[in-house]
Amino acid sequence: METSAPTVDVIPAPWTGRFDGDGAEHRRWWQAITPHTSAAAAAGARPAVVLGFCSDAGVLRNKGRAGAAKAPAAIRSALGPLAFHLDRDVFDAGDVVVEDDSLEAGQERAGRAISGLLDAGNLTVVLGGGHETAFASYLGVAGSETVRGKRLGVLNLDAHFDLRDEPTPSSGTPFLQMAHAEAAAGRELQYAVVGISEPNNTRTLFDTANRLGVKYLLDELCSPEAAEVFVTEFLAGVDVLYLTIDLDVMPASVAPGVSAPAAYGVPLPVISAICRQVAASGKLLHVDIAELNPEFDIDSRTAKVAARLVNTLLA
């Protein structure tokens, strides 16, 4: 399969990790992943391409804790030492970097890169960044030929709806932006959220979600069985899926390194099971992970959780 290299701001840096040997039986992520180029990918499962979106702009606009711009590097560092058991090629396309407050321009650049990678037949994985990463992802997915004539679903694992109606886009507005963009295109946004924290979403946000027909499952109701049924029902109504994971969906004890740590949260085993369910559905087109803030992480705990989820989704 011939792939084209996307235009990025920073080319991929070499990955590092523990070395146990050169043989396939010793291989780790840092030994398996290679820079994305226009070279043909090997035959086999659909290749995956990692793209970093280094941005704090949306979180700062949303009055959150800055630091998410350093997340892509932290997740790569956590992925590097993991044993590589995947049956697909994985490439690194580098980073799109949002300088200062130039969020919209950065989202557009990332969107173009994602569209190109999807059109070339790849499974795309974006490492954010604040949750403004989600609108960059949407621009890429919606702009790709792979979704033409198909029912697109957006599944968000998150404590927040991120449906704020504000004049300036931020990490709190991406899904309302998506709803407006879909309406302008004559479509209705198919949006579902697992992990909503009722105390952390105002009545206005719930009203907006209900008006838009958003499906959601509250964090206190996220038993393994309820989450599986919820995701199954949502998947049944879509042809292709964009999965976005805001790490603050999990308890602060599991994911302390985020802008808004969760007092309750959805247990990691439930989130991991959803990832396996989505990956097994055959409908996963694009995934991003957002809101890691290495500045507030503890023993790289949150970065390691993010890495583990990426590994699960690509297995």
Protein backbone atom coordinates (compact mmCIF):
# COMPACT_ATOMS: atom_id res chain seq x y z
CA MET A 1 0.00 0.00 0.00
CA GLU A 2 1.49 3.34 -1.06
CA THR A 3 1.20 6.07 1.57
CA SER A 4 2.04 9.73 1.35
CA ALA A 5 3.90 11.58 4.07
CA PRO A 6 1.77 14.31 5.73
CA THR A 7 3.03 17.82 6.24
CA VAL A 8 3.91 18.24 9.92
CA ASP A 9 5.75 20.82 11.99
CA VAL A 10 8.22 18.46 13.68
CA ILE A 11 9.55 15.29 12.08
CA PRO A 12 9.60 12.08 14.14
CA ALA A 13 12.40 11.73 16.68
CA PRO A 14 13.98 8.32 17.43
CA TRP A 15 12.12 6.29 20.03
CA THR A 16 13.94 4.71 22.96
CA GLY A 17 13.33 1.89 25.41
CA ARG A 18 14.75 -1.17 27.08
CA PHE A 19 16.90 -3.40 24.87
CA ASP A 20 16.68 -7.18 25.29
CA GLY A 21 17.86 -8.22 21.83
CA ASP A 22 17.32 -7.72 18.11
CA GLY A 23 15.12 -10.75 17.46
CA ALA A 24 11.38 -10.57 16.93
CA GLU A 25 10.89 -12.38 20.24
CA HIS A 26 12.50 -9.44 22.04
CA ARG A 27 10.87 -6.64 20.11
CA ARG A 28 9.45 -3.61 21.87
CA TRP A 29 7.55 -0.63 20.53
CA TRP A 30 10.64 1.51 20.15
CA GLN A 31 12.19 -1.15 17.92
CA ALA A 32 9.05 -1.74 15.87
CA ILE A 33 7.87 1.77 15.06
CA THR A 34 9.46 3.61 12.16
CA PRO A 35 9.12 7.11 10.70
CA HIS A 36 6.24 7.49 8.29
CA THR A 37 7.38 8.07 4.72
CA SER A 38 5.95 7.60 1.24
CA ALA A 39 7.38 4.06 1.17
CA ALA A 40 4.99 1.18 0.66
CA ALA A 41 3.80 -0.53 3.83
CA ALA A 42 4.19 -4.27 4.26
CA ALA A 43 1.27 -6.56 3.58
CA GLY A 44 -0.97 -7.46 6.50
CA ALA A 45 -3.36 -5.69 8.81
CA ARG A 46 -4.12 -2.01 8.21
CA PRO A 47 -1.07 0.06 9.20
CA ALA A 48 -1.40 2.48 12.10
CA VAL A 49 0.15 5.93 12.05
CA VAL A 50 0.79 8.01 15.17
CA LEU A 51 0.58 11.80 14.95
CA GLY A 52 1.24 14.19 17.82
CA PHE A 53 -0.87 17.32 18.37
CA CYS A 54 1.10 19.54 20.74
CA SER A 55 -1.36 22.09 22.06
CA ASP A 56 -2.16 23.96 25.26
CA ALA A 57 -4.17 26.70 23.57
CA GLY A 58 -7.60 25.16 24.05
CA VAL A 59 -7.01 24.32 27.70
CA LEU A 60 -5.75 27.83 28.39
CA ARG A 61 -8.81 29.32 26.68
CA ASN A 62 -10.94 27.03 28.87
CA LYS A 63 -9.14 28.28 31.99
CA GLY A 64 -7.53 24.88 32.64
CA ARG A 65 -4.04 23.82 33.71
CA ALA A 66 -1.46 24.18 30.95
CA GLY A 67 0.99 21.40 30.12
CA ALA A 68 -0.81 19.15 27.60
CA ALA A 69 1.46 20.30 24.77
CA LYS A 70 4.13 18.02 26.22
CA ALA A 71 1.80 15.00 26.22
CA PRO A 72 2.71 13.45 22.84
CA ALA A 73 6.35 13.08 23.90
CA ALA A 74 5.32 11.63 27.26
CA ILE A 75 3.01 9.05 25.68
CA ARG A 76 5.69 8.03 23.19
CA SER A 77 8.13 7.60 26.08
CA ALA A 78 5.63 5.36 27.86
CA LEU A 79 4.89 3.35 24.71
CA GLY A 80 8.52 2.82 23.74
CA PRO A 81 9.44 0.16 26.35
CA LEU A 82 6.22 -1.88 25.94
CA ALA A 83 6.58 -5.33 24.36
CA PHE A 84 5.34 -5.27 20.76
CA HIS A 85 2.79 -7.99 20.03
CA LEU A 86 0.88 -6.28 17.20
CA ASP A 87 0.22 -7.86 13.82
CA ARG A 88 0.37 -4.55 12.00
CA ASP A 89 2.99 -2.01 10.99
CA VAL A 90 3.09 1.16 13.10
CA PHE A 91 4.59 4.44 11.91
CA ASP A 92 5.27 7.81 13.50
CA ALA A 93 4.34 10.85 11.41
CA GLY A 94 5.76 13.45 13.81
CA ASP A 95 3.97 16.39 15.42
CA VAL A 96 1.73 19.29 14.57
CA VAL A 97 2.62 22.09 17.01
CA VAL A 98 0.28 24.88 18.06
CA GLU A 99 2.34 27.96 18.78
CA ASP A 100 0.99 30.40 21.34
CA ASP A 101 -2.76 30.90 20.65
CA SER A 102 -2.82 29.83 16.98
CA LEU A 103 -5.25 26.98 17.71
CA GLU A 104 -7.46 27.14 14.63
CA ALA A 105 -4.50 27.11 12.24
CA GLY A 106 -2.99 24.15 14.08
CA GLN A 107 -6.27 22.24 13.97
CA GLU A 108 -6.51 22.81 10.23
CA ARG A 109 -2.94 21.58 9.67
CA ALA A 110 -3.56 18.48 11.77
CA GLY A 111 -6.86 17.87 9.96
CA ARG A 112 -5.16 17.90 6.57
CA ALA A 113 -2.50 15.49 7.80
CA ILE A 114 -5.12 13.12 9.25
CA SER A 115 -7.22 13.19 6.06
CA GLY A 116 -4.20 12.29 3.97
CA LEU A 117 -3.24 9.42 6.23
CA LEU A 118 -6.80 8.05 6.29
CA ASP A 119 -7.15 8.32 2.52
CA ALA A 120 -3.96 6.27 2.21
CA GLY A 121 -5.61 3.41 4.13
CA ASN A 122 -4.14 3.90 7.59
CA LEU A 123 -5.65 3.69 11.06
CA THR A 124 -4.76 7.06 12.55
CA VAL A 125 -3.85 7.64 16.20
CA VAL A 126 -3.49 11.23 17.43
CA LEU A 127 -1.72 11.95 20.70
CA GLY A 128 -2.98 15.25 22.15
CA GLY A 129 -2.90 17.89 23.44
CA GLY A 130 -5.90 19.26 25.28
CA HIS A 131 -9.32 18.09 24.15
CA GLU A 132 -9.24 20.76 21.44
CA THR A 133 -7.45 17.85 19.75
CA ALA A 134 -10.92 16.47 19.07
CA PHE A 135 -11.89 19.17 16.59
CA ALA A 136 -8.61 18.69 14.73
CA SER A 137 -9.46 15.00 14.54
CA TYR A 138 -12.96 15.75 13.33
CA LEU A 139 -11.64 18.00 10.55
CA GLY A 140 -9.40 15.15 9.44
CA VAL A 141 -12.07 12.47 9.59
CA ALA A 142 -14.80 14.58 8.00
CA GLY A 143 -12.40 15.64 5.25
CA SER A 144 -11.42 12.09 4.35
CA GLU A 145 -12.81 10.16 1.41
CA THR A 146 -13.08 7.13 3.69
CA VAL A 147 -16.28 8.49 5.30
CA ARG A 148 -18.11 9.44 2.11
CA GLY A 149 -21.59 7.90 2.11
CA LYS A 150 -21.03 6.30 5.52
CA ARG A 151 -22.62 6.94 8.89
CA LEU A 152 -19.92 8.44 11.12
CA GLY A 153 -20.14 7.99 14.88
CA VAL A 154 -18.14 9.93 17.47
CA LEU A 155 -17.66 8.07 20.76
CA ASN A 156 -16.14 10.09 23.59
CA LEU A 157 -14.85 8.55 26.83
CA ASP A 158 -14.99 11.63 29.03
CA ALA A 159 -16.27 13.14 32.27
CA HIS A 160 -17.43 16.19 30.30
CA PHE A 161 -19.72 16.81 27.31
CA ASP A 162 -17.41 19.54 25.93
CA LEU A 163 -20.44 21.18 24.35
CA ARG A 164 -19.81 24.70 25.61
CA ASP A 165 -21.40 27.44 23.51
CA GLU A 166 -18.72 30.14 23.51
CA PRO A 167 -17.54 32.67 20.93
CA THR A 168 -13.96 31.40 21.08
CA PRO A 169 -13.23 27.68 20.51
CA SER A 170 -11.46 25.88 23.35
CA SER A 171 -11.00 22.43 24.86
CA GLY A 172 -14.59 22.76 26.10
CA THR A 173 -16.25 23.39 22.72
CA PRO A 174 -15.16 20.75 20.17
CA PHE A 175 -18.30 18.64 20.05
CA LEU A 176 -20.63 21.61 19.64
CA GLN A 177 -18.31 22.75 16.85
CA MET A 178 -18.72 19.29 15.30
CA ALA A 179 -22.51 19.49 15.62
CA HIS A 180 -22.54 22.87 13.86
CA ALA A 181 -20.24 21.58 11.10
CA GLU A 182 -22.38 18.49 10.55
CA ALA A 183 -25.55 20.60 10.43
CA ALA A 184 -23.95 22.90 7.85
CA ALA A 185 -23.25 19.80 5.74
CA GLY A 186 -26.86 18.63 6.05
CA ARG A 187 -26.07 15.87 8.53
CA GLU A 188 -26.74 15.22 12.21
CA LEU A 189 -23.85 14.56 14.58
CA GLN A 190 -23.95 11.02 15.96
CA TYR A 191 -22.29 11.62 19.32
CA ALA A 192 -22.15 9.46 22.44
CA VAL A 193 -20.29 9.90 25.72
CA VAL A 194 -19.30 7.31 28.33
CA GLY A 195 -18.40 8.59 31.80
CA ILE A 196 -20.30 11.85 32.20
CA SER A 197 -19.90 13.33 35.67
CA GLU A 198 -23.21 14.96 36.58
CA PRO A 199 -21.68 17.37 39.15
CA ASN A 200 -19.15 18.57 36.58
CA ASN A 201 -21.61 19.43 33.80
CA THR A 202 -24.11 22.27 34.17
CA ARG A 203 -27.80 22.02 33.40
CA THR A 204 -27.14 24.07 30.26
CA LEU A 205 -24.73 21.40 29.04
CA PHE A 206 -27.25 18.63 29.72
CA ASP A 207 -29.92 20.66 27.89
CA THR A 208 -27.59 21.12 24.93
CA ALA A 209 -26.82 17.39 24.90
CA ASN A 210 -30.49 16.50 24.99
CA ARG A 211 -31.33 19.02 22.24
CA LEU A 212 -28.65 17.49 20.00
CA GLY A 213 -29.74 13.93 20.72
CA VAL A 214 -26.45 13.05 22.43
CA LYS A 215 -26.39 9.61 23.99
CA TYR A 216 -24.57 9.43 27.33
CA LEU A 217 -23.84 7.13 30.25
CA LEU A 218 -23.15 8.65 33.66
CA ASP A 219 -19.96 7.67 35.44
CA GLU A 220 -21.85 6.17 38.40
CA LEU A 221 -23.74 3.86 36.01
CA CYS A 222 -20.66 2.62 34.15
CA SER A 223 -20.67 -1.02 35.19
CA PRO A 224 -18.91 -3.34 32.73
CA GLU A 225 -22.26 -4.69 31.58
CA ALA A 226 -23.91 -1.29 31.14
CA ALA A 227 -20.93 0.11 29.25
CA GLU A 228 -20.83 -2.87 26.89
CA VAL A 229 -24.54 -2.58 26.08
CA PHE A 230 -24.28 1.18 25.60
CA VAL A 231 -21.35 0.90 23.18
CA THR A 232 -22.94 -2.03 21.33
CA GLU A 233 -26.11 -0.03 20.71
CA PHE A 234 -24.16 2.99 19.50
CA LEU A 235 -21.95 0.95 17.19
CA ALA A 236 -25.02 -0.67 15.64
CA GLY A 237 -26.13 2.72 14.29
CA VAL A 238 -22.87 3.77 12.62
CA ASP A 239 -20.62 2.48 9.85
CA VAL A 240 -17.31 4.02 10.92
CA LEU A 241 -16.16 5.29 14.30
CA TYR A 242 -13.97 8.06 15.63
CA LEU A 243 -13.04 7.26 19.23
CA THR A 244 -11.74 10.03 21.47
CA ILE A 245 -10.45 9.41 24.99
CA ASP A 246 -10.17 12.23 27.50
CA LEU A 247 -8.01 10.75 30.24
CA ASP A 248 -9.95 12.63 32.91
CA VAL A 249 -12.71 10.05 32.44
CA MET A 250 -10.80 7.83 34.87
CA PRO A 251 -10.35 8.31 38.64
CA ALA A 252 -7.64 10.70 39.79
CA SER A 253 -5.85 7.76 41.40
CA VAL A 254 -5.47 6.21 37.93
CA ALA A 255 -5.06 9.40 35.89
CA PRO A 256 -3.74 12.20 38.11
CA GLY A 257 -1.91 13.97 35.29
CA VAL A 258 -4.83 15.79 33.66
CA SER A 259 -6.21 19.31 33.67
CA ALA A 260 -9.31 18.31 35.66
CA PRO A 261 -8.74 15.18 37.81
CA ALA A 262 -11.87 13.13 38.48
CA ALA A 263 -13.22 12.64 41.99
CA TYR A 264 -15.19 9.57 40.87
CA GLY A 265 -14.33 8.41 37.35
CA VAL A 266 -14.80 5.23 35.35
CA PRO A 267 -12.54 2.30 36.34
CA LEU A 268 -9.67 1.51 34.00
CA PRO A 269 -10.89 -2.08 33.35
CA VAL A 270 -14.17 -0.67 31.98
CA ILE A 271 -12.35 1.81 29.74
CA SER A 272 -9.98 -0.90 28.54
CA ALA A 273 -12.90 -3.23 27.79
CA ILE A 274 -14.57 -0.52 25.70
CA CYS A 275 -11.33 -0.11 23.75
CA ARG A 276 -11.19 -3.84 23.04
CA GLN A 277 -14.85 -3.82 22.04
CA VAL A 278 -14.37 -0.92 19.64
CA ALA A 279 -11.21 -2.42 18.13
CA ALA A 280 -12.98 -5.76 17.58
CA SER A 281 -15.96 -4.08 15.88
CA GLY A 282 -14.03 -3.47 12.66
CA LYS A 283 -15.50 0.05 12.53
CA LEU A 284 -12.66 1.99 14.17
CA LEU A 285 -11.32 4.59 11.74
CA HIS A 286 -9.50 7.07 13.96
CA VAL A 287 -8.62 7.47 17.63
CA ASP A 288 -7.16 10.22 19.74
CA ILE A 289 -6.11 10.49 23.36
CA ALA A 290 -6.29 13.88 25.05
CA GLU A 291 -5.71 15.87 28.23
CA LEU A 292 -2.56 14.19 29.54
CA ASN A 293 -0.66 16.86 31.47
CA PRO A 294 2.83 15.57 32.31
CA GLU A 295 3.38 18.55 34.61
CA PHE A 296 0.93 17.04 37.10
CA ASP A 297 1.52 13.33 36.50
CA ILE A 298 2.79 11.03 39.25
CA ASP A 299 5.44 8.46 38.31
CA SER A 300 4.26 8.81 34.67
CA ARG A 301 1.11 7.00 35.82
CA THR A 302 -1.26 8.75 33.42
CA ALA A 303 1.15 8.50 30.48
CA LYS A 304 1.47 4.75 31.08
CA VAL A 305 -2.32 4.38 31.12
CA ALA A 306 -2.53 6.28 27.84
CA ALA A 307 0.15 4.06 26.32
CA ARG A 308 -1.60 0.91 27.50
CA LEU A 309 -4.88 2.06 25.89
CA VAL A 310 -3.14 2.80 22.57
CA ASN A 311 -1.56 -0.65 22.67
CA THR A 312 -4.99 -2.23 23.38
CA LEU A 313 -6.69 -0.37 20.53
CA LEU A 314 -4.09 -1.48 17.99
CA ALA A 315 -3.84 -5.10 19.10
